[in-house]
Amino acid sequence: MTRIQSDYNRLIQILNFRLPPIFKKLGLIGAGAFLLVVFFYKIGGSNTPIVKDVFRSLILLFLLMASLSKDKFEDEFNNHIRFQSYVIAFVFTAIYAISIPLISIAIDFVITGITGDGRVSFYEISAFEVLFMLMGFQILFFESLKRFGRA
């Protein structure tokens, strides 16, 4: 086997890596639970950055588990729509990450034009926000495409 074939086979192995189906439920339940924990943590008035970062990282870990898990019945159709959902999620997240700061600046210009203080602030998107949107969109689009394709 040549080096190119070996590299290609290794890449296919990586692309086809999936966790067992139980991880989808575990991932979604865990992410939802930690979202509630973060929500009540904020409502409780706490704002410790290290705690928020740990909870956010756990949310992303659980979403990744759900995203990488197999379905009970895995076939070529599922692989195809899984790859489609990753592409669609990437495009939607890129549009989101580009447009939100631009919309924020436009609204800031309108507001500062009205109030007259002359300062315009720039909305920065965090890495958590981008990764959360990316994995959330991927799971949403995968499940939607799976249901529409089998109907």
N, C-alpha and C. Protein backbone atom coordinates (compact mmCIF):
# COMPACT_ATOMS: atom_id res chain seq x y z
N MET A 1 0.86 -1.18 0.00
CA MET A 1 0.00 0.00 0.00
C MET A 1 0.90 1.24 0.00
N THR A 2 0.55 2.20 -0.83
CA THR A 2 1.36 3.42 -0.91
C THR A 2 1.04 4.35 0.25
N ARG A 3 1.88 5.34 0.39
CA ARG A 3 1.69 6.33 1.46
C ARG A 3 0.39 7.10 1.26
N ILE A 4 0.06 7.44 0.03
CA ILE A 4 -1.17 8.18 -0.25
C ILE A 4 -2.39 7.35 0.11
N GLN A 5 -2.39 6.07 -0.24
CA GLN A 5 -3.51 5.20 0.11
C GLN A 5 -3.62 5.04 1.62
N SER A 6 -2.48 4.92 2.28
CA SER A 6 -2.48 4.79 3.74
C SER A 6 -3.06 6.06 4.39
N ASP A 7 -2.62 7.23 3.92
CA ASP A 7 -3.15 8.49 4.45
C ASP A 7 -4.65 8.62 4.18
N TYR A 8 -5.06 8.20 2.99
CA TYR A 8 -6.48 8.27 2.63
C TYR A 8 -7.31 7.35 3.54
N ASN A 9 -6.84 6.14 3.77
CA ASN A 9 -7.55 5.21 4.65
C ASN A 9 -7.64 5.74 6.07
N ARG A 10 -6.57 6.37 6.53
CA ARG A 10 -6.57 6.96 7.88
C ARG A 10 -7.58 8.10 7.97
N LEU A 11 -7.65 8.93 6.92
CA LEU A 11 -8.62 10.02 6.89
C LEU A 11 -10.04 9.49 6.89
N ILE A 12 -10.31 8.45 6.14
CA ILE A 12 -11.64 7.85 6.12
C ILE A 12 -12.00 7.29 7.49
N GLN A 13 -11.04 6.69 8.18
CA GLN A 13 -11.27 6.19 9.54
C GLN A 13 -11.67 7.33 10.46
N ILE A 14 -10.98 8.44 10.36
CA ILE A 14 -11.28 9.60 11.21
C ILE A 14 -12.67 10.15 10.89
N LEU A 15 -12.99 10.27 9.60
CA LEU A 15 -14.29 10.80 9.20
C LEU A 15 -15.45 9.89 9.61
N ASN A 16 -15.20 8.60 9.67
CA ASN A 16 -16.27 7.66 10.01
C ASN A 16 -16.33 7.34 11.50
N PHE A 17 -15.55 8.03 12.33
CA PHE A 17 -15.57 7.79 13.77
C PHE A 17 -16.93 8.21 14.33
N ARG A 18 -17.56 7.32 15.07
CA ARG A 18 -18.84 7.61 15.73
C ARG A 18 -18.84 6.96 17.10
N LEU A 19 -19.47 7.65 18.04
CA LEU A 19 -19.67 7.09 19.37
C LEU A 19 -20.93 6.22 19.34
N PRO A 20 -21.09 5.32 20.30
CA PRO A 20 -22.31 4.50 20.36
C PRO A 20 -23.57 5.37 20.49
N PRO A 21 -24.73 4.85 20.07
CA PRO A 21 -25.97 5.63 20.05
C PRO A 21 -26.39 6.21 21.41
N ILE A 22 -26.04 5.56 22.49
CA ILE A 22 -26.44 6.05 23.83
C ILE A 22 -25.86 7.44 24.11
N PHE A 23 -24.75 7.78 23.46
CA PHE A 23 -24.10 9.06 23.70
C PHE A 23 -24.92 10.24 23.17
N LYS A 24 -25.83 10.00 22.22
CA LYS A 24 -26.67 11.09 21.73
C LYS A 24 -27.61 11.57 22.84
N LYS A 25 -28.29 10.60 23.48
CA LYS A 25 -29.18 10.96 24.59
C LYS A 25 -28.40 11.56 25.75
N LEU A 26 -27.30 10.92 26.09
CA LEU A 26 -26.46 11.40 27.19
C LEU A 26 -25.97 12.82 26.91
N GLY A 27 -25.54 13.07 25.68
CA GLY A 27 -25.03 14.39 25.30
C GLY A 27 -26.10 15.46 25.35
N LEU A 28 -27.28 15.16 24.81
CA LEU A 28 -28.36 16.15 24.81
C LEU A 28 -28.88 16.43 26.21
N ILE A 29 -29.03 15.37 27.00
CA ILE A 29 -29.50 15.56 28.39
C ILE A 29 -28.46 16.32 29.20
N GLY A 30 -27.18 15.96 29.05
CA GLY A 30 -26.11 16.65 29.78
C GLY A 30 -26.01 18.12 29.39
N ALA A 31 -26.08 18.41 28.08
CA ALA A 31 -26.00 19.81 27.63
C ALA A 31 -27.19 20.60 28.16
N GLY A 32 -28.38 20.01 28.10
CA GLY A 32 -29.57 20.69 28.62
C GLY A 32 -29.47 20.94 30.12
N ALA A 33 -28.97 19.95 30.84
CA ALA A 33 -28.83 20.10 32.29
C ALA A 33 -27.85 21.22 32.64
N PHE A 34 -26.72 21.25 31.94
CA PHE A 34 -25.73 22.30 32.24
C PHE A 34 -26.20 23.67 31.77
N LEU A 35 -27.02 23.72 30.71
CA LEU A 35 -27.63 25.00 30.32
C LEU A 35 -28.52 25.53 31.44
N LEU A 36 -29.29 24.63 32.03
CA LEU A 36 -30.14 25.04 33.16
C LEU A 36 -29.30 25.47 34.36
N VAL A 37 -28.20 24.76 34.62
CA VAL A 37 -27.31 25.12 35.72
C VAL A 37 -26.75 26.52 35.50
N VAL A 38 -26.29 26.81 34.27
CA VAL A 38 -25.74 28.13 33.96
C VAL A 38 -26.83 29.19 34.10
N PHE A 39 -28.03 28.88 33.64
CA PHE A 39 -29.16 29.83 33.73
C PHE A 39 -29.46 30.17 35.18
N PHE A 40 -29.59 29.16 36.03
CA PHE A 40 -29.89 29.42 37.44
C PHE A 40 -28.70 30.02 38.19
N TYR A 41 -27.50 29.70 37.73
CA TYR A 41 -26.30 30.31 38.30
C TYR A 41 -26.31 31.82 38.06
N LYS A 42 -26.69 32.21 36.84
CA LYS A 42 -26.77 33.64 36.52
C LYS A 42 -27.90 34.32 37.27
N ILE A 43 -29.06 33.65 37.35
CA ILE A 43 -30.20 34.22 38.07
C ILE A 43 -29.87 34.40 39.55
N GLY A 44 -29.09 33.47 40.10
CA GLY A 44 -28.70 33.54 41.50
C GLY A 44 -27.76 34.69 41.81
N GLY A 45 -27.30 35.39 40.79
CA GLY A 45 -26.44 36.54 41.01
C GLY A 45 -24.96 36.23 41.00
N SER A 46 -24.60 35.00 40.81
CA SER A 46 -23.18 34.63 40.77
C SER A 46 -22.62 34.95 39.39
N ASN A 47 -21.33 35.30 39.37
CA ASN A 47 -20.71 35.64 38.09
C ASN A 47 -19.21 35.35 38.12
N THR A 48 -18.85 34.19 38.66
CA THR A 48 -17.45 33.81 38.73
C THR A 48 -17.02 33.29 37.35
N PRO A 49 -16.03 33.93 36.72
CA PRO A 49 -15.64 33.54 35.36
C PRO A 49 -15.19 32.09 35.23
N ILE A 50 -14.45 31.57 36.22
CA ILE A 50 -13.94 30.20 36.11
C ILE A 50 -15.09 29.20 36.11
N VAL A 51 -16.11 29.45 36.93
CA VAL A 51 -17.26 28.54 36.99
C VAL A 51 -18.04 28.59 35.68
N LYS A 52 -18.25 29.79 35.14
CA LYS A 52 -18.94 29.92 33.86
C LYS A 52 -18.17 29.21 32.75
N ASP A 53 -16.86 29.34 32.74
CA ASP A 53 -16.04 28.70 31.71
C ASP A 53 -16.10 27.18 31.80
N VAL A 54 -16.08 26.66 33.02
CA VAL A 54 -16.16 25.20 33.20
C VAL A 54 -17.51 24.70 32.72
N PHE A 55 -18.60 25.38 33.10
CA PHE A 55 -19.93 24.95 32.67
C PHE A 55 -20.08 25.06 31.16
N ARG A 56 -19.56 26.11 30.57
CA ARG A 56 -19.62 26.27 29.11
C ARG A 56 -18.84 25.16 28.41
N SER A 57 -17.69 24.84 28.95
CA SER A 57 -16.89 23.76 28.36
C SER A 57 -17.62 22.42 28.46
N LEU A 58 -18.29 22.19 29.57
CA LEU A 58 -19.05 20.95 29.73
C LEU A 58 -20.24 20.90 28.76
N ILE A 59 -20.89 22.04 28.55
CA ILE A 59 -21.98 22.10 27.57
C ILE A 59 -21.46 21.73 26.18
N LEU A 60 -20.32 22.31 25.79
CA LEU A 60 -19.74 22.01 24.49
C LEU A 60 -19.32 20.54 24.38
N LEU A 61 -18.77 19.99 25.46
CA LEU A 61 -18.38 18.58 25.46
C LEU A 61 -19.60 17.68 25.23
N PHE A 62 -20.69 17.96 25.94
CA PHE A 62 -21.89 17.15 25.78
C PHE A 62 -22.50 17.31 24.39
N LEU A 63 -22.48 18.52 23.84
CA LEU A 63 -22.98 18.71 22.47
C LEU A 63 -22.11 17.97 21.46
N LEU A 64 -20.81 17.96 21.68
CA LEU A 64 -19.91 17.22 20.79
C LEU A 64 -20.20 15.72 20.86
N MET A 65 -20.47 15.22 22.05
CA MET A 65 -20.83 13.81 22.19
C MET A 65 -22.10 13.50 21.39
N ALA A 66 -23.09 14.37 21.49
CA ALA A 66 -24.33 14.15 20.75
C ALA A 66 -24.09 14.23 19.25
N SER A 67 -23.26 15.15 18.83
CA SER A 67 -22.98 15.34 17.41
C SER A 67 -22.22 14.16 16.81
N LEU A 68 -21.33 13.55 17.57
CA LEU A 68 -20.50 12.46 17.06
C LEU A 68 -21.10 11.07 17.26
N SER A 69 -22.29 10.98 17.83
CA SER A 69 -22.85 9.66 18.11
C SER A 69 -23.57 9.08 16.89
N LYS A 70 -23.58 7.77 16.84
CA LYS A 70 -24.27 7.04 15.78
C LYS A 70 -25.77 7.07 16.03
N ASP A 71 -26.52 6.79 14.97
CA ASP A 71 -27.92 6.48 15.12
C ASP A 71 -28.06 4.99 15.32
N LYS A 72 -29.23 4.55 15.76
CA LYS A 72 -29.42 3.12 15.94
C LYS A 72 -29.27 2.38 14.61
N PHE A 73 -29.76 2.99 13.53
CA PHE A 73 -29.65 2.40 12.20
C PHE A 73 -28.78 3.32 11.35
N GLU A 74 -27.52 2.99 11.23
CA GLU A 74 -26.56 3.82 10.50
C GLU A 74 -26.39 3.23 9.10
N ASP A 75 -26.62 4.05 8.07
CA ASP A 75 -26.44 3.60 6.70
C ASP A 75 -25.83 4.72 5.86
N GLU A 76 -25.73 4.50 4.55
CA GLU A 76 -25.13 5.49 3.65
C GLU A 76 -25.92 6.80 3.65
N PHE A 77 -27.24 6.69 3.74
CA PHE A 77 -28.08 7.90 3.77
C PHE A 77 -27.75 8.75 4.99
N ASN A 78 -27.62 8.11 6.14
CA ASN A 78 -27.27 8.85 7.36
C ASN A 78 -25.90 9.52 7.24
N ASN A 79 -24.94 8.80 6.67
CA ASN A 79 -23.61 9.40 6.48
C ASN A 79 -23.69 10.62 5.57
N HIS A 80 -24.47 10.49 4.50
CA HIS A 80 -24.62 11.60 3.55
C HIS A 80 -25.25 12.82 4.22
N ILE A 81 -26.36 12.63 4.93
CA ILE A 81 -27.00 13.79 5.55
C ILE A 81 -26.19 14.32 6.73
N ARG A 82 -25.40 13.44 7.37
CA ARG A 82 -24.53 13.93 8.45
C ARG A 82 -23.50 14.91 7.89
N PHE A 83 -22.88 14.54 6.76
CA PHE A 83 -21.90 15.43 6.15
C PHE A 83 -22.58 16.70 5.64
N GLN A 84 -23.78 16.57 5.08
CA GLN A 84 -24.53 17.76 4.64
C GLN A 84 -24.82 18.67 5.83
N SER A 85 -25.21 18.08 6.95
CA SER A 85 -25.55 18.90 8.11
C SER A 85 -24.32 19.64 8.65
N TYR A 86 -23.14 19.02 8.57
CA TYR A 86 -21.92 19.73 8.99
C TYR A 86 -21.64 20.93 8.07
N VAL A 87 -21.84 20.74 6.78
CA VAL A 87 -21.60 21.84 5.83
C VAL A 87 -22.61 22.96 6.06
N ILE A 88 -23.88 22.61 6.18
CA ILE A 88 -24.92 23.62 6.39
C ILE A 88 -24.68 24.36 7.71
N ALA A 89 -24.33 23.63 8.76
CA ALA A 89 -24.06 24.25 10.06
C ALA A 89 -22.88 25.21 9.96
N PHE A 90 -21.84 24.82 9.24
CA PHE A 90 -20.68 25.70 9.07
C PHE A 90 -21.08 26.98 8.36
N VAL A 91 -21.84 26.87 7.27
CA VAL A 91 -22.25 28.05 6.51
C VAL A 91 -23.13 28.97 7.36
N PHE A 92 -24.12 28.41 8.05
CA PHE A 92 -25.01 29.23 8.88
C PHE A 92 -24.25 29.90 10.03
N THR A 93 -23.32 29.18 10.63
CA THR A 93 -22.53 29.76 11.72
C THR A 93 -21.61 30.86 11.20
N ALA A 94 -21.02 30.67 10.04
CA ALA A 94 -20.17 31.71 9.45
C ALA A 94 -21.00 32.96 9.14
N ILE A 95 -22.19 32.77 8.58
CA ILE A 95 -23.07 33.92 8.30
C ILE A 95 -23.43 34.62 9.61
N TYR A 96 -23.74 33.85 10.64
CA TYR A 96 -24.07 34.41 11.95
C TYR A 96 -22.90 35.21 12.52
N ALA A 97 -21.71 34.60 12.49
CA ALA A 97 -20.53 35.25 13.07
C ALA A 97 -20.14 36.51 12.32
N ILE A 98 -20.42 36.56 11.02
CA ILE A 98 -20.10 37.76 10.24
C ILE A 98 -21.18 38.83 10.39
N SER A 99 -22.43 38.41 10.40
CA SER A 99 -23.52 39.40 10.36
C SER A 99 -23.83 40.04 11.72
N ILE A 100 -23.72 39.32 12.81
CA ILE A 100 -24.08 39.87 14.12
C ILE A 100 -23.25 41.11 14.47
N PRO A 101 -21.92 41.09 14.32
CA PRO A 101 -21.17 42.33 14.61
C PRO A 101 -21.55 43.47 13.66
N LEU A 102 -21.81 43.17 12.40
CA LEU A 102 -22.19 44.21 11.45
C LEU A 102 -23.55 44.81 11.80
N ILE A 103 -24.49 43.96 12.18
CA ILE A 103 -25.80 44.45 12.61
C ILE A 103 -25.66 45.28 13.87
N SER A 104 -24.81 44.83 14.78
CA SER A 104 -24.57 45.57 16.02
C SER A 104 -24.00 46.96 15.73
N ILE A 105 -23.04 47.03 14.81
CA ILE A 105 -22.44 48.32 14.45
C ILE A 105 -23.49 49.22 13.81
N ALA A 106 -24.31 48.66 12.92
CA ALA A 106 -25.35 49.47 12.26
C ALA A 106 -26.34 50.02 13.27
N ILE A 107 -26.76 49.18 14.20
CA ILE A 107 -27.69 49.64 15.24
C ILE A 107 -27.02 50.68 16.12
N ASP A 108 -25.74 50.45 16.45
CA ASP A 108 -25.00 51.43 17.25
C ASP A 108 -24.92 52.79 16.55
N PHE A 109 -24.68 52.78 15.23
CA PHE A 109 -24.65 54.04 14.49
C PHE A 109 -25.98 54.76 14.56
N VAL A 110 -27.06 54.02 14.44
CA VAL A 110 -28.39 54.62 14.51
C VAL A 110 -28.63 55.19 15.91
N ILE A 111 -28.28 54.41 16.94
CA ILE A 111 -28.52 54.86 18.31
C ILE A 111 -27.62 56.04 18.66
N THR A 112 -26.32 55.98 18.30
CA THR A 112 -25.44 57.10 18.62
C THR A 112 -25.80 58.33 17.80
N GLY A 113 -26.39 58.12 16.61
CA GLY A 113 -26.88 59.26 15.84
C GLY A 113 -28.04 59.94 16.53
N ILE A 114 -28.81 59.15 17.27
CA ILE A 114 -29.97 59.71 17.98
C ILE A 114 -29.54 60.33 19.30
N THR A 115 -28.72 59.60 20.07
CA THR A 115 -28.32 60.11 21.38
C THR A 115 -27.20 61.13 21.29
N GLY A 116 -26.34 61.01 20.27
CA GLY A 116 -25.30 62.01 20.05
C GLY A 116 -24.06 61.87 20.90
N ASP A 117 -23.82 60.69 21.57
CA ASP A 117 -22.62 60.59 22.39
C ASP A 117 -21.37 60.27 21.56
N GLY A 118 -21.53 59.81 20.31
CA GLY A 118 -20.42 59.65 19.39
C GLY A 118 -19.60 58.38 19.53
N ARG A 119 -19.89 57.52 20.51
CA ARG A 119 -19.14 56.28 20.68
C ARG A 119 -19.89 55.12 20.02
N VAL A 120 -19.12 54.28 19.34
CA VAL A 120 -19.69 53.08 18.73
C VAL A 120 -18.94 51.89 19.30
N SER A 121 -19.68 50.95 19.85
CA SER A 121 -19.03 49.76 20.41
C SER A 121 -19.17 48.61 19.43
N PHE A 122 -18.20 47.71 19.46
CA PHE A 122 -18.17 46.57 18.55
C PHE A 122 -18.54 45.32 19.34
N TYR A 123 -19.48 44.54 18.80
CA TYR A 123 -19.91 43.31 19.45
C TYR A 123 -18.92 42.20 19.12
N GLU A 124 -18.31 41.62 20.13
CA GLU A 124 -17.37 40.53 19.92
C GLU A 124 -18.06 39.20 20.18
N ILE A 125 -17.88 38.28 19.27
CA ILE A 125 -18.46 36.96 19.42
C ILE A 125 -17.44 36.06 20.09
N SER A 126 -17.86 35.38 21.14
CA SER A 126 -16.94 34.50 21.86
C SER A 126 -16.80 33.15 21.14
N ALA A 127 -15.74 32.46 21.45
CA ALA A 127 -15.51 31.13 20.88
C ALA A 127 -16.63 30.18 21.31
N PHE A 128 -17.08 30.33 22.55
CA PHE A 128 -18.19 29.49 23.03
C PHE A 128 -19.43 29.69 22.17
N GLU A 129 -19.74 30.93 21.87
CA GLU A 129 -20.93 31.24 21.08
C GLU A 129 -20.85 30.61 19.69
N VAL A 130 -19.69 30.70 19.06
CA VAL A 130 -19.51 30.13 17.72
C VAL A 130 -19.62 28.61 17.77
N LEU A 131 -18.92 27.96 18.71
CA LEU A 131 -18.96 26.51 18.80
C LEU A 131 -20.34 26.00 19.20
N PHE A 132 -21.01 26.72 20.10
CA PHE A 132 -22.37 26.34 20.51
C PHE A 132 -23.32 26.40 19.31
N MET A 133 -23.22 27.47 18.53
CA MET A 133 -24.07 27.60 17.35
C MET A 133 -23.73 26.52 16.33
N LEU A 134 -22.45 26.26 16.12
CA LEU A 134 -22.03 25.26 15.14
C LEU A 134 -22.57 23.88 15.49
N MET A 135 -22.39 23.45 16.73
CA MET A 135 -22.86 22.12 17.11
C MET A 135 -24.38 22.06 17.21
N GLY A 136 -24.97 23.14 17.70
CA GLY A 136 -26.44 23.18 17.76
C GLY A 136 -27.06 23.12 16.38
N PHE A 137 -26.53 23.90 15.44
CA PHE A 137 -27.03 23.86 14.06
C PHE A 137 -26.83 22.47 13.45
N GLN A 138 -25.67 21.87 13.70
CA GLN A 138 -25.40 20.55 13.10
C GLN A 138 -26.41 19.52 13.59
N ILE A 139 -26.66 19.48 14.88
CA ILE A 139 -27.62 18.52 15.42
C ILE A 139 -29.03 18.81 14.89
N LEU A 140 -29.40 20.08 14.87
CA LEU A 140 -30.72 20.47 14.37
C LEU A 140 -30.90 20.10 12.90
N PHE A 141 -29.93 20.43 12.07
CA PHE A 141 -30.05 20.13 10.64
C PHE A 141 -29.97 18.63 10.37
N PHE A 142 -29.15 17.91 11.11
CA PHE A 142 -29.07 16.46 10.90
C PHE A 142 -30.41 15.81 11.20
N GLU A 143 -30.99 16.15 12.34
CA GLU A 143 -32.28 15.54 12.71
C GLU A 143 -33.38 15.96 11.73
N SER A 144 -33.36 17.22 11.28
CA SER A 144 -34.36 17.70 10.32
C SER A 144 -34.21 17.00 8.98
N LEU A 145 -33.00 16.94 8.46
CA LEU A 145 -32.76 16.27 7.17
C LEU A 145 -33.11 14.79 7.24
N LYS A 146 -32.83 14.17 8.38
CA LYS A 146 -33.13 12.75 8.55
C LYS A 146 -34.64 12.52 8.49
N ARG A 147 -35.41 13.39 9.16
CA ARG A 147 -36.86 13.24 9.15
C ARG A 147 -37.47 13.55 7.80
N PHE A 148 -36.99 14.62 7.13
CA PHE A 148 -37.54 14.98 5.84
C PHE A 148 -37.19 13.95 4.78
N GLY A 149 -36.00 13.37 4.87
CA GLY A 149 -35.56 12.40 3.87
C GLY A 149 -36.25 11.05 3.99
N ARG A 150 -36.71 10.71 5.15
CA ARG A 150 -37.35 9.39 5.38
C ARG A 150 -38.87 9.47 5.25
N ALA A 151 -39.41 10.66 5.15
CA ALA A 151 -40.88 10.82 5.14
C ALA A 151 -41.50 10.26 3.89
